[in-house]
Amino acid sequence: MLTDTVPTTGSAPPAVGYGLGVYVYATDCGPAYGHGGTAPGCLAFALNGRDARKQLVAHTNWSPLADTGIDEDFWSAFQGGYCGRA
């Protein structure tokens, strides 16, 4: 599922690739694989490293009304946990 990803051209950042139900996200510590989801009033991400040593699931009650990308504060906090930064 991870080898058939293609670059995304219309997806909101931080997604950089997609294939077979798996998004590739650019993080400060390398690519992360998984999927995010949004509904009115919530945003969730579940991402894994390719070798499954890094995993993080996060949920917040913030959600964009338009597909304008991810909230910068949420993504910064998410990367901090995913990349092992305090």
PDB file of N, CA and C in Angstrom:
ATOM      1  N   MET A   1       0.810  -1.199   0.000  1.00  0.00           N
ATOM      2  CA  MET A   1       0.000   0.000   0.000  1.00  0.00           C
ATOM      3  C   MET A   1       0.849   1.257   0.000  1.00  0.00           C
ATOM      4  N   LEU A   2       2.089   1.156   0.461  1.00  0.00           N
ATOM      5  CA  LEU A   2       2.928   2.345   0.539  1.00  0.00           C
ATOM      6  C   LEU A   2       3.743   2.581  -0.720  1.00  0.00           C
ATOM      7  N   THR A   3       3.889   1.581  -1.552  1.00  0.00           N
ATOM      8  CA  THR A   3       4.723   1.747  -2.743  1.00  0.00           C
ATOM      9  C   THR A   3       3.958   2.331  -3.919  1.00  0.00           C
ATOM     10  N   ASP A   4       2.641   2.333  -3.873  1.00  0.00           N
ATOM     11  CA  ASP A   4       1.851   2.823  -4.997  1.00  0.00           C
ATOM     12  C   ASP A   4       1.303   4.222  -4.780  1.00  0.00           C
ATOM     13  N   THR A   5       1.955   5.014  -3.936  1.00  0.00           N
ATOM     14  CA  THR A   5       1.493   6.381  -3.724  1.00  0.00           C
ATOM     15  C   THR A   5       1.989   7.267  -4.858  1.00  0.00           C
ATOM     16  N   VAL A   6       1.212   8.283  -5.144  1.00  0.00           N
ATOM     17  CA  VAL A   6       1.574   9.258  -6.175  1.00  0.00           C
ATOM     18  C   VAL A   6       1.508  10.645  -5.550  1.00  0.00           C
ATOM     19  N   PRO A   7       2.250  11.598  -6.087  1.00  0.00           N
ATOM     20  CA  PRO A   7       2.203  12.954  -5.524  1.00  0.00           C
ATOM     21  C   PRO A   7       0.784  13.524  -5.579  1.00  0.00           C
ATOM     22  N   THR A   8       0.405  14.240  -4.546  1.00  0.00           N
ATOM     23  CA  THR A   8      -0.902  14.902  -4.540  1.00  0.00           C
ATOM     24  C   THR A   8      -0.743  16.287  -5.136  1.00  0.00           C
ATOM     25  N   THR A   9      -1.704  16.665  -5.930  1.00  0.00           N
ATOM     26  CA  THR A   9      -1.653  17.999  -6.519  1.00  0.00           C
ATOM     27  C   THR A   9      -2.797  18.875  -6.034  1.00  0.00           C
ATOM     28  N   GLY A  10      -3.900  18.277  -5.580  1.00  0.00           N
ATOM     29  CA  GLY A  10      -5.030  19.079  -5.145  1.00  0.00           C
ATOM     30  C   GLY A  10      -5.311  18.993  -3.664  1.00  0.00           C
ATOM     31  N   SER A  11      -4.572  18.181  -2.941  1.00  0.00           N
ATOM     32  CA  SER A  11      -4.819  18.019  -1.506  1.00  0.00           C
ATOM     33  C   SER A  11      -4.208  19.170  -0.721  1.00  0.00           C
ATOM     34  N   ALA A  12      -4.845  19.438   0.399  1.00  0.00           N
ATOM     35  CA  ALA A  12      -4.332  20.488   1.282  1.00  0.00           C
ATOM     36  C   ALA A  12      -3.078  20.001   1.992  1.00  0.00           C
ATOM     37  N   PRO A  13      -2.112  20.888   2.225  1.00  0.00           N
ATOM     38  CA  PRO A  13      -0.903  20.508   2.965  1.00  0.00           C
ATOM     39  C   PRO A  13      -1.284  20.033   4.363  1.00  0.00           C
ATOM     40  N   PRO A  14      -0.569  19.177   4.966  1.00  0.00           N
ATOM     41  CA  PRO A  14       0.773  18.688   4.670  1.00  0.00           C
ATOM     42  C   PRO A  14       0.823  17.411   3.842  1.00  0.00           C
ATOM     43  N   ALA A  15      -0.294  17.000   3.213  1.00  0.00           N
ATOM     44  CA  ALA A  15      -0.287  15.800   2.383  1.00  0.00           C
ATOM     45  C   ALA A  15       0.595  16.006   1.165  1.00  0.00           C
ATOM     46  N   VAL A  16       1.457  15.040   0.884  1.00  0.00           N
ATOM     47  CA  VAL A  16       2.339  15.142  -0.277  1.00  0.00           C
ATOM     48  C   VAL A  16       2.187  13.965  -1.222  1.00  0.00           C
ATOM     49  N   GLY A  17       1.467  12.916  -0.811  1.00  0.00           N
ATOM     50  CA  GLY A  17       1.253  11.763  -1.671  1.00  0.00           C
ATOM     51  C   GLY A  17       0.024  10.999  -1.229  1.00  0.00           C
ATOM     52  N   TYR A  18      -0.518  10.177  -2.140  1.00  0.00           N
ATOM     53  CA  TYR A  18      -1.699   9.391  -1.826  1.00  0.00           C
ATOM     54  C   TYR A  18      -1.730   8.153  -2.695  1.00  0.00           C
ATOM     55  N   GLY A  19      -2.224   7.057  -2.134  1.00  0.00           N
ATOM     56  CA  GLY A  19      -2.442   5.848  -2.913  1.00  0.00           C
ATOM     57  C   GLY A  19      -3.032   4.755  -2.060  1.00  0.00           C
ATOM     58  N   LEU A  20      -4.021   4.047  -2.592  1.00  0.00           N
ATOM     59  CA  LEU A  20      -4.630   2.893  -1.932  1.00  0.00           C
ATOM     60  C   LEU A  20      -5.113   3.200  -0.516  1.00  0.00           C
ATOM     61  N   GLY A  21      -5.688   4.384  -0.314  1.00  0.00           N
ATOM     62  CA  GLY A  21      -6.253   4.751   0.982  1.00  0.00           C
ATOM     63  C   GLY A  21      -5.268   5.298   1.986  1.00  0.00           C
ATOM     64  N   VAL A  22      -4.019   5.460   1.601  1.00  0.00           N
ATOM     65  CA  VAL A  22      -2.983   5.935   2.518  1.00  0.00           C
ATOM     66  C   VAL A  22      -2.415   7.256   1.996  1.00  0.00           C
ATOM     67  N   TYR A  23      -2.446   8.259   2.858  1.00  0.00           N
ATOM     68  CA  TYR A  23      -1.790   9.520   2.528  1.00  0.00           C
ATOM     69  C   TYR A  23      -0.348   9.482   3.015  1.00  0.00           C
ATOM     70  N   VAL A  24       0.499  10.241   2.354  1.00  0.00           N
ATOM     71  CA  VAL A  24       1.870  10.467   2.807  1.00  0.00           C
ATOM     72  C   VAL A  24       1.922  11.924   3.238  1.00  0.00           C
ATOM     73  N   TYR A  25       2.361  12.147   4.474  1.00  0.00           N
ATOM     74  CA  TYR A  25       2.458  13.489   5.026  1.00  0.00           C
ATOM     75  C   TYR A  25       3.915  13.844   5.257  1.00  0.00           C
ATOM     76  N   ALA A  26       4.280  15.074   4.920  1.00  0.00           N
ATOM     77  CA  ALA A  26       5.632  15.563   5.162  1.00  0.00           C
ATOM     78  C   ALA A  26       5.707  16.053   6.598  1.00  0.00           C
ATOM     79  N   THR A  27       6.595  15.441   7.401  1.00  0.00           N
ATOM     80  CA  THR A  27       6.825  15.905   8.770  1.00  0.00           C
ATOM     81  C   THR A  27       8.278  16.345   8.890  1.00  0.00           C
ATOM     82  N   ASP A  28       8.600  16.980  10.000  1.00  0.00           N
ATOM     83  CA  ASP A  28       9.971  17.431  10.229  1.00  0.00           C
ATOM     84  C   ASP A  28      10.961  16.281  10.369  1.00  0.00           C
ATOM     85  N   CYS A  29      10.468  15.079  10.663  1.00  0.00           N
ATOM     86  CA  CYS A  29      11.370  13.930  10.851  1.00  0.00           C
ATOM     87  C   CYS A  29      11.156  12.857   9.775  1.00  0.00           C
ATOM     88  N   GLY A  30      10.658  13.262   8.629  1.00  0.00           N
ATOM     89  CA  GLY A  30      10.491  12.333   7.517  1.00  0.00           C
ATOM     90  C   GLY A  30       9.032  12.044   7.235  1.00  0.00           C
ATOM     91  N   PRO A  31       8.782  11.224   6.213  1.00  0.00           N
ATOM     92  CA  PRO A  31       7.398  10.953   5.827  1.00  0.00           C
ATOM     93  C   PRO A  31       6.647  10.150   6.881  1.00  0.00           C
ATOM     94  N   ALA A  32       5.356  10.434   6.994  1.00  0.00           N
ATOM     95  CA  ALA A  32       4.447   9.696   7.866  1.00  0.00           C
ATOM     96  C   ALA A  32       3.313   9.189   6.992  1.00  0.00           C
ATOM     97  N   TYR A  33       2.793   8.027   7.319  1.00  0.00           N
ATOM     98  CA  TYR A  33       1.782   7.373   6.496  1.00  0.00           C
ATOM     99  C   TYR A  33       0.516   7.153   7.303  1.00  0.00           C
ATOM    100  N   GLY A  34      -0.617   7.436   6.711  1.00  0.00           N
ATOM    101  CA  GLY A  34      -1.871   7.221   7.407  1.00  0.00           C
ATOM    102  C   GLY A  34      -2.991   8.007   6.778  1.00  0.00           C
ATOM    103  N   HIS A  35      -3.883   8.489   7.637  1.00  0.00           N
ATOM    104  CA  HIS A  35      -5.052   9.199   7.123  1.00  0.00           C
ATOM    105  C   HIS A  35      -5.567  10.139   8.193  1.00  0.00           C
ATOM    106  N   GLY A  36      -6.091  11.231   7.758  1.00  0.00           N
ATOM    107  CA  GLY A  36      -6.743  12.179   8.630  1.00  0.00           C
ATOM    108  C   GLY A  36      -8.215  12.225   8.282  1.00  0.00           C
ATOM    109  N   GLY A  37      -8.981  12.809   9.152  1.00  0.00           N
ATOM    110  CA  GLY A  37     -10.398  12.948   8.878  1.00  0.00           C
ATOM    111  C   GLY A  37     -10.940  14.189   9.536  1.00  0.00           C
ATOM    112  N   THR A  38     -11.980  14.733   8.939  1.00  0.00           N
ATOM    113  CA  THR A  38     -12.586  15.934   9.483  1.00  0.00           C
ATOM    114  C   THR A  38     -14.094  15.859   9.330  1.00  0.00           C
ATOM    115  N   ALA A  39     -14.771  16.433  10.266  1.00  0.00           N
ATOM    116  CA  ALA A  39     -16.220  16.602  10.257  1.00  0.00           C
ATOM    117  C   ALA A  39     -16.479  17.903  10.987  1.00  0.00           C
ATOM    118  N   PRO A  40     -17.683  18.455  10.873  1.00  0.00           N
ATOM    119  CA  PRO A  40     -17.926  19.718  11.565  1.00  0.00           C
ATOM    120  C   PRO A  40     -17.553  19.625  13.049  1.00  0.00           C
ATOM    121  N   GLY A  41     -16.566  20.402  13.451  1.00  0.00           N
ATOM    122  CA  GLY A  41     -16.157  20.466  14.843  1.00  0.00           C
ATOM    123  C   GLY A  41     -15.087  19.487  15.266  1.00  0.00           C
ATOM    124  N   CYS A  42     -14.510  18.718  14.363  1.00  0.00           N
ATOM    125  CA  CYS A  42     -13.436  17.813  14.793  1.00  0.00           C
ATOM    126  C   CYS A  42     -12.446  17.550  13.661  1.00  0.00           C
ATOM    127  N   LEU A  43     -11.242  17.206  14.056  1.00  0.00           N
ATOM    128  CA  LEU A  43     -10.154  16.878  13.141  1.00  0.00           C
ATOM    129  C   LEU A  43      -9.345  15.779  13.803  1.00  0.00           C
ATOM    130  N   ALA A  44      -9.045  14.713  13.085  1.00  0.00           N
ATOM    131  CA  ALA A  44      -8.290  13.590  13.639  1.00  0.00           C
ATOM    132  C   ALA A  44      -7.242  13.120  12.644  1.00  0.00           C
ATOM    133  N   PHE A  45      -6.105  12.656  13.163  1.00  0.00           N
ATOM    134  CA  PHE A  45      -5.051  12.070  12.345  1.00  0.00           C
ATOM    135  C   PHE A  45      -4.545  10.802  13.021  1.00  0.00           C
ATOM    136  N   ALA A  46      -4.268   9.793  12.239  1.00  0.00           N
ATOM    137  CA  ALA A  46      -3.616   8.568  12.718  1.00  0.00           C
ATOM    138  C   ALA A  46      -2.485   8.292  11.738  1.00  0.00           C
ATOM    139  N   LEU A  47      -1.244   8.459  12.195  1.00  0.00           N
ATOM    140  CA  LEU A  47      -0.089   8.316  11.314  1.00  0.00           C
ATOM    141  C   LEU A  47       0.934   7.354  11.890  1.00  0.00           C
ATOM    142  N   ASN A  48       1.657   6.710  11.004  1.00  0.00           N
ATOM    143  CA  ASN A  48       2.704   5.750  11.355  1.00  0.00           C
ATOM    144  C   ASN A  48       3.944   6.023  10.533  1.00  0.00           C
ATOM    145  N   GLY A  49       5.104   5.694  11.096  1.00  0.00           N
ATOM    146  CA  GLY A  49       6.325   5.684  10.309  1.00  0.00           C
ATOM    147  C   GLY A  49       6.343   4.439   9.449  1.00  0.00           C
ATOM    148  N   ARG A  50       7.128   4.433   8.418  1.00  0.00           N
ATOM    149  CA  ARG A  50       7.172   3.294   7.506  1.00  0.00           C
ATOM    150  C   ARG A  50       7.577   2.004   8.232  1.00  0.00           C
ATOM    151  N   ASP A  51       8.454   2.104   9.227  1.00  0.00           N
ATOM    152  CA  ASP A  51       8.886   0.919   9.965  1.00  0.00           C
ATOM    153  C   ASP A  51       8.031   0.670  11.215  1.00  0.00           C
ATOM    154  N   ALA A  52       6.968   1.437  11.413  1.00  0.00           N
ATOM    155  CA  ALA A  52       6.018   1.309  12.527  1.00  0.00           C
ATOM    156  C   ALA A  52       6.629   1.613  13.893  1.00  0.00           C
ATOM    157  N   ARG A  53       7.794   2.232  13.939  1.00  0.00           N
ATOM    158  CA  ARG A  53       8.383   2.627  15.225  1.00  0.00           C
ATOM    159  C   ARG A  53       7.781   3.923  15.743  1.00  0.00           C
ATOM    160  N   LYS A  54       7.255   4.737  14.852  1.00  0.00           N
ATOM    161  CA  LYS A  54       6.597   5.982  15.245  1.00  0.00           C
ATOM    162  C   LYS A  54       5.121   5.846  14.916  1.00  0.00           C
ATOM    163  N   GLN A  55       4.290   6.139  15.891  1.00  0.00           N
ATOM    164  CA  GLN A  55       2.850   6.119  15.691  1.00  0.00           C
ATOM    165  C   GLN A  55       2.234   7.196  16.556  1.00  0.00           C
ATOM    166  N   LEU A  56       1.225   7.851  16.027  1.00  0.00           N
ATOM    167  CA  LEU A  56       0.537   8.862  16.816  1.00  0.00           C
ATOM    168  C   LEU A  56      -0.873   9.030  16.282  1.00  0.00           C
ATOM    169  N   VAL A  57      -1.813   9.119  17.184  1.00  0.00           N
ATOM    170  CA  VAL A  57      -3.197   9.422  16.860  1.00  0.00           C
ATOM    171  C   VAL A  57      -3.555  10.683  17.624  1.00  0.00           C
ATOM    172  N   ALA A  58      -4.142  11.630  16.957  1.00  0.00           N
ATOM    173  CA  ALA A  58      -4.515  12.887  17.609  1.00  0.00           C
ATOM    174  C   ALA A  58      -5.896  13.315  17.151  1.00  0.00           C
ATOM    175  N   HIS A  59      -6.618  13.952  18.050  1.00  0.00           N
ATOM    176  CA  HIS A  59      -7.965  14.439  17.768  1.00  0.00           C
ATOM    177  C   HIS A  59      -8.118  15.808  18.408  1.00  0.00           C
ATOM    178  N   THR A  60      -8.779  16.709  17.712  1.00  0.00           N
ATOM    179  CA  THR A  60      -9.040  18.033  18.254  1.00  0.00           C
ATOM    180  C   THR A  60     -10.447  18.462  17.868  1.00  0.00           C
ATOM    181  N   ASN A  61     -11.008  19.392  18.598  1.00  0.00           N
ATOM    182  CA  ASN A  61     -12.341  19.872  18.265  1.00  0.00           C
ATOM    183  C   ASN A  61     -12.291  21.064  17.321  1.00  0.00           C
ATOM    184  N   TRP A  62     -11.201  21.250  16.640  1.00  0.00           N
ATOM    185  CA  TRP A  62     -11.074  22.296  15.624  1.00  0.00           C
ATOM    186  C   TRP A  62     -11.263  21.661  14.261  1.00  0.00           C
ATOM    187  N   SER A  63     -11.902  22.354  13.372  1.00  0.00           N
ATOM    188  CA  SER A  63     -12.069  21.845  12.011  1.00  0.00           C
ATOM    189  C   SER A  63     -12.223  23.013  11.052  1.00  0.00           C
ATOM    190  N   PRO A  64     -11.530  22.952   9.912  1.00  0.00           N
ATOM    191  CA  PRO A  64     -11.693  24.029   8.941  1.00  0.00           C
ATOM    192  C   PRO A  64     -13.055  23.919   8.257  1.00  0.00           C
ATOM    193  N   LEU A  65     -13.604  25.051   7.882  1.00  0.00           N
ATOM    194  CA  LEU A  65     -14.855  25.031   7.123  1.00  0.00           C
ATOM    195  C   LEU A  65     -14.589  24.819   5.644  1.00  0.00           C
ATOM    196  N   ALA A  66     -13.353  25.038   5.219  1.00  0.00           N
ATOM    197  CA  ALA A  66     -12.969  24.835   3.829  1.00  0.00           C
ATOM    198  C   ALA A  66     -11.679  24.022   3.805  1.00  0.00           C
ATOM    199  N   ASP A  67     -11.392  23.405   2.698  1.00  0.00           N
ATOM    200  CA  ASP A  67     -10.189  22.573   2.569  1.00  0.00           C
ATOM    201  C   ASP A  67      -8.981  23.474   2.335  1.00  0.00           C
ATOM    202  N   THR A  68      -8.569  24.178   3.398  1.00  0.00           N
ATOM    203  CA  THR A  68      -7.505  25.168   3.289  1.00  0.00           C
ATOM    204  C   THR A  68      -6.204  24.707   3.923  1.00  0.00           C
ATOM    205  N   GLY A  69      -6.152  23.467   4.357  1.00  0.00           N
ATOM    206  CA  GLY A  69      -4.954  22.980   5.017  1.00  0.00           C
ATOM    207  C   GLY A  69      -5.199  22.805   6.503  1.00  0.00           C
ATOM    208  N   ILE A  70      -4.224  22.284   7.157  1.00  0.00           N
ATOM    209  CA  ILE A  70      -4.355  21.965   8.567  1.00  0.00           C
ATOM    210  C   ILE A  70      -3.969  23.167   9.428  1.00  0.00           C
ATOM    211  N   ASP A  71      -4.594  23.279  10.577  1.00  0.00           N
ATOM    212  CA  ASP A  71      -4.274  24.340  11.527  1.00  0.00           C
ATOM    213  C   ASP A  71      -2.799  24.235  11.918  1.00  0.00           C
ATOM    214  N   GLU A  72      -2.062  25.311  11.808  1.00  0.00           N
ATOM    215  CA  GLU A  72      -0.613  25.280  12.046  1.00  0.00           C
ATOM    216  C   GLU A  72      -0.257  24.891  13.480  1.00  0.00           C
ATOM    217  N   ASP A  73      -1.004  25.380  14.471  1.00  0.00           N
ATOM    218  CA  ASP A  73      -0.712  25.023  15.862  1.00  0.00           C
ATOM    219  C   ASP A  73      -0.944  23.531  16.108  1.00  0.00           C
ATOM    220  N   PHE A  74      -2.039  22.988  15.559  1.00  0.00           N
ATOM    221  CA  PHE A  74      -2.320  21.560  15.708  1.00  0.00           C
ATOM    222  C   PHE A  74      -1.216  20.734  15.051  1.00  0.00           C
ATOM    223  N   TRP A  75      -0.838  21.109  13.838  1.00  0.00           N
ATOM    224  CA  TRP A  75       0.186  20.344  13.118  1.00  0.00           C
ATOM    225  C   TRP A  75       1.535  20.430  13.818  1.00  0.00           C
ATOM    226  N   SER A  76       1.866  21.584  14.373  1.00  0.00           N
ATOM    227  CA  SER A  76       3.128  21.731  15.111  1.00  0.00           C
ATOM    228  C   SER A  76       3.133  20.821  16.341  1.00  0.00           C
ATOM    229  N   ALA A  77       2.032  20.806  17.091  1.00  0.00           N
ATOM    230  CA  ALA A  77       1.941  19.932  18.265  1.00  0.00           C
ATOM    231  C   ALA A  77       1.965  18.468  17.862  1.00  0.00           C
ATOM    232  N   PHE A  78       1.280  18.149  16.777  1.00  0.00           N
ATOM    233  CA  PHE A  78       1.250  16.769  16.288  1.00  0.00           C
ATOM    234  C   PHE A  78       2.651  16.300  15.912  1.00  0.00           C
ATOM    235  N   GLN A  79       3.375  17.117  15.160  1.00  0.00           N
ATOM    236  CA  GLN A  79       4.747  16.761  14.775  1.00  0.00           C
ATOM    237  C   GLN A  79       5.643  16.630  15.991  1.00  0.00           C
ATOM    238  N   GLY A  80       5.437  17.468  17.004  1.00  0.00           N
ATOM    239  CA  GLY A  80       6.229  17.366  18.219  1.00  0.00           C
ATOM    240  C   GLY A  80       6.092  16.000  18.866  1.00  0.00           C
ATOM    241  N   GLY A  81       4.863  15.491  18.929  1.00  0.00           N
ATOM    242  CA  GLY A  81       4.639  14.160  19.476  1.00  0.00           C
ATOM    243  C   GLY A  81       5.123  13.069  18.550  1.00  0.00           C
ATOM    244  N   TYR A  82       4.860  13.206  17.280  1.00  0.00           N
ATOM    245  CA  TYR A  82       5.253  12.186  16.304  1.00  0.00           C
ATOM    246  C   TYR A  82       6.778  12.074  16.190  1.00  0.00           C
ATOM    247  N   CYS A  83       7.437  13.219  16.171  1.00  0.00           N
ATOM    248  CA  CYS A  83       8.892  13.248  15.990  1.00  0.00           C
ATOM    249  C   CYS A  83       9.658  13.118  17.306  1.00  0.00           C
ATOM    250  N   GLY A  84       8.944  13.033  18.434  1.00  0.00           N
ATOM    251  CA  GLY A  84       9.603  12.828  19.721  1.00  0.00           C
ATOM    252  C   GLY A  84      10.222  14.069  20.310  1.00  0.00           C
ATOM    253  N   ARG A  85       9.642  15.239  19.993  1.00  0.00           N
ATOM    254  CA  ARG A  85      10.125  16.493  20.569  1.00  0.00           C
ATOM    255  C   ARG A  85       9.200  16.897  21.700  1.00  0.00           C
ATOM    256  N   ALA A  86       9.736  17.488  22.711  1.00  0.00           N
ATOM    257  CA  ALA A  86       8.898  17.967  23.826  1.00  0.00           C
ATOM    258  C   ALA A  86       8.267  19.279  23.483  1.00  0.00           C
TER     259      ALA A  86
END
